[in-house]
N, C-alpha and C. Protein backbone atom coordinates (compact mmCIF):
# COMPACT_ATOMS: atom_id res chain seq x y z
N MET A 1 -26.06 39.31 -34.79
CA MET A 1 -25.49 37.95 -35.03
C MET A 1 -24.49 37.69 -33.85
N ILE A 2 -24.71 36.34 -33.11
CA ILE A 2 -23.28 36.48 -32.04
C ILE A 2 -22.65 35.61 -32.80
N LYS A 3 -21.23 36.36 -32.51
CA LYS A 3 -20.07 35.58 -33.20
C LYS A 3 -19.64 34.49 -32.20
N MET A 4 -20.09 33.56 -33.02
CA MET A 4 -19.56 31.91 -32.79
C MET A 4 -18.21 31.80 -31.96
N ILE A 5 -17.31 32.16 -32.67
CA ILE A 5 -16.03 32.22 -32.13
C ILE A 5 -15.67 33.05 -30.99
N GLU A 6 -16.37 34.22 -30.39
CA GLU A 6 -16.21 34.95 -29.50
C GLU A 6 -16.48 33.93 -28.31
N LYS A 7 -17.45 33.56 -28.49
CA LYS A 7 -18.40 32.79 -27.66
C LYS A 7 -17.76 31.41 -27.12
N ILE A 8 -17.19 31.20 -28.15
CA ILE A 8 -16.17 29.28 -27.73
C ILE A 8 -15.15 29.92 -26.74
N GLN A 9 -14.55 31.39 -27.20
CA GLN A 9 -13.44 31.73 -26.58
C GLN A 9 -13.69 31.74 -25.11
N GLU A 10 -14.89 32.37 -24.95
CA GLU A 10 -15.57 33.44 -23.99
C GLU A 10 -15.87 31.49 -23.01
N TYR A 11 -16.67 30.50 -23.43
CA TYR A 11 -16.38 29.41 -22.98
C TYR A 11 -15.34 28.91 -22.23
N ILE A 12 -13.97 28.67 -22.93
CA ILE A 12 -12.79 28.15 -22.60
C ILE A 12 -12.06 29.13 -21.42
N LEU A 13 -12.42 30.41 -21.71
CA LEU A 13 -11.73 31.14 -20.43
C LEU A 13 -12.30 31.16 -19.30
N CYS A 14 -13.72 30.79 -19.65
CA CYS A 14 -14.70 30.67 -18.25
C CYS A 14 -14.12 29.15 -17.65
N LEU A 15 -13.87 28.41 -18.02
CA LEU A 15 -13.45 26.85 -17.76
C LEU A 15 -12.11 27.40 -17.20
N ASP A 16 -10.87 28.03 -17.85
CA ASP A 16 -9.75 27.80 -16.82
C ASP A 16 -9.64 28.95 -15.67
N GLU A 17 -10.87 29.63 -15.48
CA GLU A 17 -11.04 30.28 -14.57
C GLU A 17 -11.95 29.86 -13.65
N GLN A 18 -12.47 28.68 -13.55
CA GLN A 18 -13.65 27.76 -12.74
C GLN A 18 -14.74 28.64 -12.83
N ARG A 19 -15.63 29.32 -14.26
CA ARG A 19 -16.05 29.79 -14.04
C ARG A 19 -17.44 29.35 -15.01
N TYR A 20 -18.08 27.98 -13.87
CA TYR A 20 -18.73 27.44 -14.71
C TYR A 20 -19.57 27.61 -15.32
N TYR A 21 -20.81 28.31 -14.46
CA TYR A 21 -21.95 28.74 -14.34
C TYR A 21 -21.59 29.57 -15.96
N ASP A 22 -20.94 30.67 -15.93
CA ASP A 22 -20.59 31.39 -16.81
C ASP A 22 -20.16 30.51 -18.10
N ALA A 23 -19.48 30.27 -18.00
CA ALA A 23 -18.67 29.01 -19.23
C ALA A 23 -20.58 28.68 -20.01
N HIS A 24 -21.36 28.05 -19.07
CA HIS A 24 -22.84 27.30 -19.88
C HIS A 24 -23.69 28.31 -20.21
N GLU A 25 -23.28 29.93 -19.89
CA GLU A 25 -24.23 31.16 -20.27
C GLU A 25 -22.97 31.59 -21.83
N ALA A 26 -22.58 31.10 -22.02
CA ALA A 26 -21.80 31.68 -23.01
C ALA A 26 -21.42 30.80 -24.51
N LEU A 27 -22.02 29.63 -24.05
CA LEU A 27 -22.43 28.67 -25.64
C LEU A 27 -24.11 28.69 -25.16
N GLU A 28 -24.34 28.79 -23.70
CA GLU A 28 -26.19 28.47 -24.71
C GLU A 28 -26.51 30.17 -25.28
N ALA A 29 -25.57 31.14 -25.57
CA ALA A 29 -26.17 31.97 -25.98
C ALA A 29 -26.01 31.60 -27.96
N ILE A 30 -25.74 30.58 -28.05
CA ILE A 30 -25.26 29.96 -29.31
C ILE A 30 -26.54 29.48 -29.53
N TRP A 31 -26.86 28.01 -28.74
CA TRP A 31 -27.22 27.07 -28.64
C TRP A 31 -29.07 27.13 -28.57
N PHE A 32 -29.11 28.17 -27.50
CA PHE A 32 -30.81 28.47 -27.24
C PHE A 32 -31.05 28.76 -28.38
N PRO A 33 -31.60 30.04 -29.38
CA PRO A 33 -31.96 30.19 -30.70
C PRO A 33 -31.81 29.13 -31.34
N ARG A 34 -31.40 28.72 -31.42
CA ARG A 34 -31.13 26.81 -32.37
C ARG A 34 -31.31 25.72 -32.05
N ARG A 35 -31.82 25.75 -31.12
CA ARG A 35 -31.82 24.95 -29.73
C ARG A 35 -32.95 23.23 -30.37
N PHE A 36 -33.81 24.31 -31.21
CA PHE A 36 -34.61 23.12 -31.55
C PHE A 36 -34.47 22.17 -32.87
N GLU A 37 -33.21 22.90 -34.07
CA GLU A 37 -32.59 22.45 -35.24
C GLU A 37 -32.34 21.36 -34.98
N ASP A 38 -31.99 20.51 -35.87
CA ASP A 38 -31.70 18.99 -35.71
C ASP A 38 -30.43 19.47 -36.17
N ASP A 39 -29.81 19.57 -35.32
CA ASP A 39 -28.02 19.97 -35.91
C ASP A 39 -27.05 19.63 -35.40
N LYS A 40 -26.12 18.51 -35.93
CA LYS A 40 -25.86 17.91 -35.01
C LYS A 40 -24.18 18.65 -33.97
N GLU A 41 -23.78 20.11 -34.82
CA GLU A 41 -23.03 21.23 -33.82
C GLU A 41 -23.92 21.58 -32.35
N MET A 42 -25.33 21.63 -33.02
CA MET A 42 -25.75 22.36 -31.93
C MET A 42 -25.68 21.15 -30.79
N LYS A 43 -26.02 20.11 -31.08
CA LYS A 43 -26.06 18.90 -30.04
C LYS A 43 -25.06 18.56 -28.85
N LEU A 44 -23.68 19.41 -30.17
CA LEU A 44 -22.50 18.90 -29.45
C LEU A 44 -22.11 20.13 -28.29
N LEU A 45 -22.77 21.48 -28.87
CA LEU A 45 -22.49 22.54 -28.37
C LEU A 45 -23.97 22.63 -26.91
N LYS A 46 -24.87 21.71 -26.81
CA LYS A 46 -25.60 21.20 -25.60
C LYS A 46 -24.84 19.90 -24.61
N GLY A 47 -23.43 19.60 -25.40
CA GLY A 47 -22.75 18.46 -24.60
C GLY A 47 -22.13 19.11 -23.77
N PHE A 48 -21.39 20.33 -24.13
CA PHE A 48 -20.37 20.96 -23.96
C PHE A 48 -20.90 21.79 -22.85
N ILE A 49 -22.11 22.17 -22.78
CA ILE A 49 -22.93 22.91 -21.82
C ILE A 49 -23.48 22.31 -20.74
N ASN A 50 -23.63 21.05 -21.47
CA ASN A 50 -23.88 20.15 -20.34
C ASN A 50 -22.23 19.63 -19.12
N ALA A 51 -21.47 19.79 -19.92
CA ALA A 51 -20.12 19.45 -18.75
C ALA A 51 -19.91 21.03 -18.19
N SER A 52 -20.08 21.65 -18.33
CA SER A 52 -19.81 22.80 -17.62
C SER A 52 -20.89 22.92 -16.01
N VAL A 53 -22.16 22.27 -16.49
CA VAL A 53 -23.28 22.35 -15.84
C VAL A 53 -22.72 21.69 -14.62
N SER A 54 -22.25 20.02 -15.18
CA SER A 54 -21.99 19.19 -14.21
C SER A 54 -20.59 19.70 -13.23
N PHE A 55 -20.16 20.53 -13.66
CA PHE A 55 -18.67 21.33 -12.97
C PHE A 55 -19.11 21.82 -12.11
N GLU A 56 -19.99 22.77 -11.79
CA GLU A 56 -20.73 23.79 -11.58
C GLU A 56 -21.56 23.20 -10.35
N LEU A 57 -21.73 21.98 -10.61
CA LEU A 57 -22.89 21.25 -9.52
C LEU A 57 -21.73 20.31 -8.46
N PHE A 58 -20.47 20.64 -8.90
CA PHE A 58 -19.57 19.39 -8.28
C PHE A 58 -19.10 20.49 -7.46
N LYS A 59 -18.83 21.60 -7.83
CA LYS A 59 -18.37 22.98 -7.22
C LYS A 59 -19.14 23.07 -6.07
N GLN A 60 -20.54 22.87 -5.98
CA GLN A 60 -21.75 23.15 -4.85
C GLN A 60 -21.56 21.48 -4.63
N ASP A 61 -21.22 21.02 -4.65
CA ASP A 61 -21.03 19.79 -3.73
C ASP A 61 -22.77 19.05 -3.97
N LYS A 62 -22.79 19.24 -5.57
CA LYS A 62 -24.09 18.13 -5.70
C LYS A 62 -23.55 16.97 -6.78
N ILE A 63 -22.75 16.19 -6.15
CA ILE A 63 -22.35 14.83 -6.75
C ILE A 63 -23.07 14.43 -7.62
N LEU A 64 -24.26 14.08 -7.03
CA LEU A 64 -25.45 12.91 -7.79
C LEU A 64 -25.61 13.65 -8.67
N GLN A 65 -25.78 14.99 -8.65
CA GLN A 65 -26.23 15.69 -10.14
C GLN A 65 -25.39 15.92 -10.88
N SER A 66 -24.17 15.81 -10.44
CA SER A 66 -23.08 16.49 -11.23
C SER A 66 -22.85 15.40 -12.20
N LYS A 67 -22.99 14.06 -11.71
CA LYS A 67 -22.69 12.91 -12.31
C LYS A 67 -23.54 12.77 -13.25
N LYS A 68 -24.76 13.29 -13.53
CA LYS A 68 -26.14 12.75 -13.74
C LYS A 68 -26.13 13.75 -14.94
N VAL A 69 -25.50 15.06 -14.89
CA VAL A 69 -25.72 15.67 -15.57
C VAL A 69 -24.48 15.63 -16.92
N TRP A 70 -23.43 14.74 -16.49
CA TRP A 70 -21.84 14.49 -17.17
C TRP A 70 -22.76 13.66 -17.86
N LYS A 71 -23.35 12.49 -17.69
CA LYS A 71 -24.03 11.43 -18.60
C LYS A 71 -24.71 12.25 -20.01
N ASN A 72 -25.03 13.29 -20.06
CA ASN A 72 -25.29 14.19 -21.25
C ASN A 72 -24.29 15.12 -22.00
N TYR A 73 -23.46 14.54 -21.33
CA TYR A 73 -21.95 15.75 -22.12
C TYR A 73 -21.44 14.22 -22.59
N ILE A 74 -21.67 12.89 -22.04
CA ILE A 74 -21.35 11.52 -22.67
C ILE A 74 -22.05 11.04 -23.73
N LYS A 75 -23.27 11.31 -24.04
CA LYS A 75 -23.96 11.54 -24.89
C LYS A 75 -24.05 12.09 -25.91
N TYR A 76 -23.44 13.04 -26.48
CA TYR A 76 -22.80 14.47 -26.82
C TYR A 76 -21.54 13.73 -27.87
N ARG A 77 -20.79 13.44 -27.05
CA ARG A 77 -19.52 13.56 -27.44
C ARG A 77 -19.37 12.66 -28.79
N PRO A 78 -19.94 11.29 -28.80
CA PRO A 78 -19.77 10.96 -30.06
C PRO A 78 -20.01 11.92 -31.32
N LEU A 79 -20.41 12.88 -31.80
CA LEU A 79 -20.57 13.66 -32.06
C LEU A 79 -19.43 14.56 -32.93
N LEU A 80 -18.01 14.71 -31.92
CA LEU A 80 -17.29 14.93 -32.16
C LEU A 80 -16.72 14.57 -33.81
N TYR A 81 -16.81 13.49 -34.22
CA TYR A 81 -16.13 12.87 -34.80
C TYR A 81 -17.08 12.71 -36.50
N ASN A 82 -18.36 13.17 -36.22
CA ASN A 82 -19.72 13.21 -37.53
C ASN A 82 -19.94 14.97 -37.32
N VAL A 83 -19.19 15.83 -36.98
CA VAL A 83 -20.02 17.08 -37.06
C VAL A 83 -19.19 18.13 -38.12
N GLU A 84 -19.84 18.70 -38.83
CA GLU A 84 -19.02 19.09 -40.12
C GLU A 84 -18.87 21.26 -39.87
N SER A 85 -17.85 21.46 -39.43
CA SER A 85 -17.44 22.67 -38.79
C SER A 85 -15.90 23.08 -38.97
N SER A 86 -15.91 24.56 -39.31
CA SER A 86 -14.96 25.47 -38.82
C SER A 86 -14.47 24.89 -37.72
N HIS A 87 -15.22 24.90 -36.76
CA HIS A 87 -14.25 24.82 -35.49
C HIS A 87 -14.26 23.38 -34.94
N SER A 88 -14.41 22.52 -35.94
CA SER A 88 -13.95 21.48 -35.12
C SER A 88 -12.66 20.60 -34.68
N ASN A 89 -11.63 21.63 -35.16
CA ASN A 89 -10.62 21.13 -34.60
C ASN A 89 -10.70 21.85 -32.64
N THR A 90 -11.12 22.93 -32.51
CA THR A 90 -11.26 23.65 -31.20
C THR A 90 -12.74 22.52 -30.45
N TYR A 91 -13.11 22.02 -31.13
CA TYR A 91 -14.70 21.40 -30.00
C TYR A 91 -13.59 19.71 -30.02
N HIS A 92 -12.90 19.58 -30.77
CA HIS A 92 -11.89 18.51 -30.14
C HIS A 92 -10.93 18.75 -28.76
N SER A 93 -10.63 19.81 -29.01
CA SER A 93 -9.76 20.46 -27.81
C SER A 93 -10.36 20.70 -26.56
N ILE A 94 -11.61 21.24 -27.15
CA ILE A 94 -12.77 21.03 -25.91
C ILE A 94 -13.19 20.13 -25.04
N ALA A 95 -13.52 19.28 -25.65
CA ALA A 95 -13.83 17.77 -25.28
C ALA A 95 -12.25 17.46 -24.52
N ARG A 96 -10.82 17.49 -24.92
CA ARG A 96 -10.22 17.22 -24.17
C ARG A 96 -10.04 17.76 -22.86
N TYR A 97 -10.33 19.41 -22.76
CA TYR A 97 -10.07 20.20 -21.93
C TYR A 97 -11.12 19.46 -20.92
N VAL A 98 -12.57 19.41 -20.89
CA VAL A 98 -13.28 19.08 -20.02
C VAL A 98 -13.45 17.41 -19.38
N GLU A 99 -12.71 16.64 -20.49
CA GLU A 99 -12.78 15.80 -19.86
C GLU A 99 -11.05 15.61 -18.85
N LYS A 100 -9.95 16.99 -19.12
CA LYS A 100 -9.42 16.45 -18.24
C LYS A 100 -9.53 17.12 -16.31
N ILE A 101 -10.62 17.85 -17.12
CA ILE A 101 -11.44 18.78 -15.31
C ILE A 101 -12.00 18.12 -14.57
N HIS A 102 -12.86 17.07 -15.89
CA HIS A 102 -13.83 16.05 -14.98
C HIS A 102 -13.06 14.95 -14.46
N LEU A 103 -11.33 14.48 -14.52
CA LEU A 103 -10.82 13.47 -14.20
C LEU A 103 -10.18 13.92 -12.74
N LYS A 104 -9.98 15.22 -12.27
CA LYS A 104 -9.81 16.20 -11.87
C LYS A 104 -10.88 16.27 -10.76
N GLN A 105 -12.16 15.97 -10.84
CA GLN A 105 -12.92 15.90 -9.70
C GLN A 105 -13.18 14.46 -8.42
N HIS A 106 -12.33 13.44 -8.96
CA HIS A 106 -12.11 12.67 -8.25
C HIS A 106 -13.51 11.88 -8.20
N TYR A 107 -14.46 11.84 -8.95
CA TYR A 107 -15.49 11.07 -8.66
C TYR A 107 -15.73 9.97 -9.55
């Protein structure tokens, strides 16, 4: 079984290093096996995955695609306030971090 906290920490490290594709892969290892579950936490992780995909697209100068994928992050963002998880504080920190990255991209 994949250790969730390790993958979350890997996601954050990859964001720090601007390895956005790898960040996506880290969380997808958790999300993908559970993608068909009606689970708020998995949907929130899907939002974070979309944020990192948006950053990777921006890095590749695919601005329109990046904006479109960012909207998927925004769609799942409200789940921060009603997901019950031992990782809730970490999710709030991640949300602040990805939004800070997004603002630096100036689009």
